[in-house]
Amino acid sequence: MKVFFVSFEATGIYKTGGLGDVAASLPVALKKKGINISLVMPGYNQIKKPKHLHGSTIPVFYIKNPDYFDLTKKYGHAQNFERFFTFAKKLWN
């Protein structure tokens, strides 16, 4: 089975809350069960973009869109709906 695990954050790359913890640990647990898994995240402008999830061989792919994934501020983006709708839409195109 092949799985693309999609998250807005992952501990070790970018984290604002508990979702980051889950997005970093669940793929590792699934990989141990024999699942071929990759992580997909927004390509935020201001973060380092490692090729693998921290401490693992799980590849990380980034969706780039500088207009929506600029992290000059972490919270309170007026266009949050549009930002994350664009992220989801890019996954299906």
Protein backbone atom coordinates (compact mmCIF):
# COMPACT_ATOMS: atom_id res chain seq x y z
CA MET A 1 0.00 0.00 0.00
CA LYS A 2 1.21 3.51 -0.83
CA VAL A 3 0.08 6.47 1.29
CA PHE A 4 0.50 10.23 0.89
CA PHE A 5 0.08 11.68 4.37
CA VAL A 6 -1.00 15.30 3.98
CA SER A 7 -0.55 17.85 6.77
CA PHE A 8 -0.12 21.59 7.21
CA GLU A 9 2.63 20.98 9.78
CA ALA A 10 4.96 18.29 11.14
CA THR A 11 7.22 18.44 14.18
CA GLY A 12 10.83 18.80 13.11
CA ILE A 13 9.87 20.80 10.01
CA TYR A 14 7.19 23.28 11.10
CA LYS A 15 4.88 23.04 14.11
CA THR A 16 2.22 25.26 15.65
CA GLY A 17 0.25 22.68 17.63
CA GLY A 18 -0.59 19.06 18.29
CA LEU A 19 -1.23 18.29 14.62
CA GLY A 20 2.52 18.64 14.08
CA ASP A 21 3.20 15.90 16.62
CA VAL A 22 0.74 13.50 14.99
CA ALA A 23 1.98 14.30 11.47
CA ALA A 24 5.54 13.48 12.52
CA SER A 25 4.83 10.32 14.54
CA LEU A 26 1.99 8.58 12.68
CA PRO A 27 3.89 8.21 9.37
CA VAL A 28 6.81 6.63 11.29
CA ALA A 29 4.44 4.15 12.96
CA LEU A 30 2.80 3.29 9.62
CA LYS A 31 6.21 2.79 8.00
CA LYS A 32 7.08 0.28 10.75
CA LYS A 33 3.92 -1.63 9.74
CA GLY A 34 5.26 -1.94 6.20
CA ILE A 35 3.31 0.87 4.55
CA ASN A 36 5.10 2.84 1.84
CA ILE A 37 4.38 6.37 3.11
CA SER A 38 5.36 9.92 2.14
CA LEU A 39 4.53 13.23 3.80
CA VAL A 40 3.12 16.18 1.84
CA MET A 41 3.22 19.72 3.29
CA PRO A 42 2.91 23.32 2.15
CA GLY A 43 6.27 24.69 1.03
CA TYR A 44 6.30 27.54 3.53
CA ASN A 45 8.77 30.26 2.45
CA GLN A 46 10.63 30.64 5.74
CA ILE A 47 11.33 27.02 6.69
CA LYS A 48 14.13 24.64 5.84
CA LYS A 49 12.76 21.87 3.67
CA PRO A 50 14.41 18.57 4.55
CA LYS A 51 14.01 15.75 2.05
CA HIS A 52 13.03 13.29 4.80
CA LEU A 53 10.96 13.42 7.95
CA HIS A 54 13.30 13.97 10.91
CA GLY A 55 15.03 10.76 11.99
CA SER A 56 13.47 8.60 9.29
CA THR A 57 13.66 7.65 5.62
CA ILE A 58 10.13 8.97 4.96
CA PRO A 59 10.28 11.39 2.03
CA VAL A 60 8.70 14.83 2.37
CA PHE A 61 7.18 16.65 -0.61
CA TYR A 62 6.32 20.36 -0.55
CA ILE A 63 3.57 22.21 -2.42
CA LYS A 64 4.99 25.57 -3.44
CA ASN A 65 2.96 28.75 -3.61
CA PRO A 66 4.80 31.82 -2.24
CA ASP A 67 1.63 33.94 -2.33
CA TYR A 68 -0.11 31.65 0.17
CA PHE A 69 2.68 30.06 2.18
CA ASP A 70 4.59 33.09 3.43
CA LEU A 71 5.12 32.72 7.17
CA THR A 72 5.93 36.27 8.19
CA LYS A 73 3.21 35.70 10.78
CA LYS A 74 2.07 32.33 12.12
CA TYR A 75 -1.55 33.11 12.92
CA GLY A 76 -4.34 35.37 11.79
CA HIS A 77 -3.92 35.31 8.03
CA ALA A 78 -6.96 37.03 6.55
CA GLN A 79 -6.97 34.58 3.65
CA ASN A 80 -6.58 31.30 5.63
CA PHE A 81 -9.49 29.63 3.84
CA GLU A 82 -8.04 30.56 0.46
CA ARG A 83 -4.52 29.49 1.50
CA PHE A 84 -5.50 26.01 2.55
CA PHE A 85 -8.08 25.54 -0.20
CA THR A 86 -5.25 26.24 -2.66
CA PHE A 87 -3.06 23.70 -0.86
CA ALA A 88 -5.74 21.03 -1.11
CA LYS A 89 -6.54 21.91 -4.72
CA LYS A 90 -2.87 21.61 -5.77
CA LEU A 91 -2.84 18.07 -4.43
CA TRP A 92 -5.55 17.05 -6.89
CA ASN A 93 -4.18 18.78 -9.99
